[in-house]
Structure formats: structure tokens, C-alpha cells
């Protein structure tokens, strides 16, 4: 347990920040799943539009350092490659 007022405040802030970061990570995963779903449906046009929306979400979350920039780049690259390989 935190012994000082400062430590107690930091513990309270950590709980709030953790909840906020978890929400943003969930948003990232949802954006990636939306593109995957469009790819699995086989609609390349829908996949492209969903991908362009998801890229901004992925970049925004990476800029806030919720995930590492390389992880964000890896997801964008793999999604882009999956769309390009569609018939």
C-alpha cells in the first residue's frame, strides 16, 4: 500500500490511465478486426475504405505510445499486403 500522499495519488492516477490505455488498445484491435472482416468477405473496395479509416486509428494510437510505432507499422503492412493479394 502507498505510504505517502504522493504515492497514493500516483496509484489513483495509474488506475485511471490504465483504463484509458486499455480502451485505446481495444479501439486498435477493433479497427484491425474490421479490416480483417472486410478482407475475409472478399470485397476489395470495402476493405480499402475500411483500411484507410483504420490506418488513421492505428497511427493515432501509436503516436500516443499505447503501442510501439513498429508494431503499428507491422499491422498496417500486413493488412495492406492482405488487401493487395486479394483477387
C-alpha atoms as a PDB file:
ATOM      1  CA  UNK A   1       0.000   0.000   0.000  1.00  0.00           C
ATOM      2  CA  UNK A   2       1.168   3.522  -0.766  1.00  0.00           C
ATOM      3  CA  UNK A   3       2.584   5.251   2.313  1.00  0.00           C
ATOM      4  CA  UNK A   4       2.717   8.886   1.231  1.00  0.00           C
ATOM      5  CA  UNK A   5       0.107  11.244  -0.176  1.00  0.00           C
ATOM      6  CA  UNK A   6       2.130  11.474  -3.380  1.00  0.00           C
ATOM      7  CA  UNK A   7       2.239   7.691  -3.772  1.00  0.00           C
ATOM      8  CA  UNK A   8      -1.495   7.401  -3.089  1.00  0.00           C
ATOM      9  CA  UNK A   9      -2.224   9.997  -5.767  1.00  0.00           C
ATOM     10  CA  UNK A  10       0.048   8.243  -8.268  1.00  0.00           C
ATOM     11  CA  UNK A  11      -1.769   4.970  -7.546  1.00  0.00           C
ATOM     12  CA  UNK A  12      -5.129   6.652  -8.235  1.00  0.00           C
ATOM     13  CA  UNK A  13      -3.804   8.173 -11.444  1.00  0.00           C
ATOM     14  CA  UNK A  14      -2.353   4.851 -12.559  1.00  0.00           C
ATOM     15  CA  UNK A  15      -5.781   3.205 -12.314  1.00  0.00           C
ATOM     16  CA  UNK A  16      -7.373   5.926 -14.469  1.00  0.00           C
ATOM     17  CA  UNK A  17      -4.550   5.879 -17.006  1.00  0.00           C
ATOM     18  CA  UNK A  18      -4.642   2.089 -17.241  1.00  0.00           C
ATOM     19  CA  UNK A  19      -8.374   2.182 -18.016  1.00  0.00           C
ATOM     20  CA  UNK A  20      -7.848   4.846 -20.685  1.00  0.00           C
ATOM     21  CA  UNK A  21      -4.961   2.972 -22.301  1.00  0.00           C
ATOM     22  CA  UNK A  22      -6.938  -0.281 -22.258  1.00  0.00           C
ATOM     23  CA  UNK A  23      -9.781   1.467 -24.056  1.00  0.00           C
ATOM     24  CA  UNK A  24      -7.426   2.749 -26.743  1.00  0.00           C
ATOM     25  CA  UNK A  25      -5.862  -0.706 -27.195  1.00  0.00           C
ATOM     26  CA  UNK A  26      -9.347  -2.124 -27.626  1.00  0.00           C
ATOM     27  CA  UNK A  27     -10.078   0.504 -30.287  1.00  0.00           C
ATOM     28  CA  UNK A  28      -6.900  -0.529 -32.105  1.00  0.00           C
ATOM     29  CA  UNK A  29      -7.867  -4.207 -32.061  1.00  0.00           C
ATOM     30  CA  UNK A  30     -11.381  -3.399 -33.257  1.00  0.00           C
ATOM     31  CA  UNK A  31     -10.019  -1.377 -36.184  1.00  0.00           C
ATOM     32  CA  UNK A  32      -7.736  -4.252 -37.211  1.00  0.00           C
ATOM     33  CA  UNK A  33     -10.582  -6.774 -36.914  1.00  0.00           C
ATOM     34  CA  UNK A  34     -12.815  -4.598 -39.095  1.00  0.00           C
ATOM     35  CA  UNK A  35     -10.256  -4.693 -41.915  1.00  0.00           C
ATOM     36  CA  UNK A  36      -9.746  -8.445 -41.478  1.00  0.00           C
ATOM     37  CA  UNK A  37     -13.511  -8.976 -41.667  1.00  0.00           C
ATOM     38  CA  UNK A  38     -13.726  -6.958 -44.902  1.00  0.00           C
ATOM     39  CA  UNK A  39     -10.834  -8.959 -46.371  1.00  0.00           C
ATOM     40  CA  UNK A  40     -12.461 -12.262 -45.403  1.00  0.00           C
ATOM     41  CA  UNK A  41     -15.717 -11.101 -47.026  1.00  0.00           C
ATOM     42  CA  UNK A  42     -13.804 -10.746 -50.299  1.00  0.00           C
ATOM     43  CA  UNK A  43     -14.871  -7.167 -51.046  1.00  0.00           C
ATOM     44  CA  UNK A  44     -11.712  -5.355 -52.038  1.00  0.00           C
ATOM     45  CA  UNK A  45     -13.351  -1.921 -52.273  1.00  0.00           C
ATOM     46  CA  UNK A  46     -14.841  -2.213 -48.800  1.00  0.00           C
ATOM     47  CA  UNK A  47     -11.526  -3.500 -47.476  1.00  0.00           C
ATOM     48  CA  UNK A  48      -9.712  -0.480 -48.924  1.00  0.00           C
ATOM     49  CA  UNK A  49     -12.117   2.038 -47.374  1.00  0.00           C
ATOM     50  CA  UNK A  50     -12.018   0.268 -44.011  1.00  0.00           C
ATOM     51  CA  UNK A  51      -8.237   0.084 -44.200  1.00  0.00           C
ATOM     52  CA  UNK A  52      -7.867   3.812 -44.854  1.00  0.00           C
ATOM     53  CA  UNK A  53     -10.011   4.582 -41.783  1.00  0.00           C
ATOM     54  CA  UNK A  54      -8.121   2.062 -39.695  1.00  0.00           C
ATOM     55  CA  UNK A  55      -4.726   3.462 -40.645  1.00  0.00           C
ATOM     56  CA  UNK A  56      -5.554   6.785 -39.027  1.00  0.00           C
ATOM     57  CA  UNK A  57      -6.730   4.987 -35.885  1.00  0.00           C
ATOM     58  CA  UNK A  58      -3.592   2.843 -35.764  1.00  0.00           C
ATOM     59  CA  UNK A  59      -1.330   5.870 -36.268  1.00  0.00           C
ATOM     60  CA  UNK A  60      -3.147   7.929 -33.654  1.00  0.00           C
ATOM     61  CA  UNK A  61      -2.748   5.193 -31.040  1.00  0.00           C
ATOM     62  CA  UNK A  62       0.912   4.680 -31.938  1.00  0.00           C
ATOM     63  CA  UNK A  63       1.538   8.429 -31.625  1.00  0.00           C
ATOM     64  CA  UNK A  64       0.184   8.272 -28.070  1.00  0.00           C
ATOM     65  CA  UNK A  65       2.663   5.431 -27.407  1.00  0.00           C
ATOM     66  CA  UNK A  66      -0.078   2.994 -26.440  1.00  0.00           C
ATOM     67  CA  UNK A  67       1.604   0.534 -28.809  1.00  0.00           C
ATOM     68  CA  UNK A  68       5.096   0.776 -30.276  1.00  0.00           C
ATOM     69  CA  UNK A  69       5.402   2.507 -33.634  1.00  0.00           C
ATOM     70  CA  UNK A  70       6.966  -0.605 -35.157  1.00  0.00           C
ATOM     71  CA  UNK A  71       4.019  -2.731 -34.068  1.00  0.00           C
ATOM     72  CA  UNK A  72       1.653  -0.235 -35.675  1.00  0.00           C
ATOM     73  CA  UNK A  73       3.722  -0.276 -38.864  1.00  0.00           C
ATOM     74  CA  UNK A  74       3.726  -4.079 -38.866  1.00  0.00           C
ATOM     75  CA  UNK A  75      -0.057  -4.234 -38.593  1.00  0.00           C
ATOM     76  CA  UNK A  76      -0.518  -1.676 -41.387  1.00  0.00           C
ATOM     77  CA  UNK A  77       1.942  -3.514 -43.604  1.00  0.00           C
ATOM     78  CA  UNK A  78       0.312  -6.906 -43.124  1.00  0.00           C
ATOM     79  CA  UNK A  79      -3.183  -5.542 -43.673  1.00  0.00           C
ATOM     80  CA  UNK A  80      -2.051  -3.712 -46.803  1.00  0.00           C
ATOM     81  CA  UNK A  81      -0.375  -6.855 -48.148  1.00  0.00           C
ATOM     82  CA  UNK A  82      -3.518  -8.887 -47.457  1.00  0.00           C
ATOM     83  CA  UNK A  83      -5.626  -6.373 -49.396  1.00  0.00           C
ATOM     84  CA  UNK A  84      -3.182  -6.283 -52.306  1.00  0.00           C
ATOM     85  CA  UNK A  85      -3.184 -10.087 -52.536  1.00  0.00           C
ATOM     86  CA  UNK A  86      -6.978 -10.187 -52.964  1.00  0.00           C
ATOM     87  CA  UNK A  87      -8.183 -11.336 -56.352  1.00  0.00           C
END
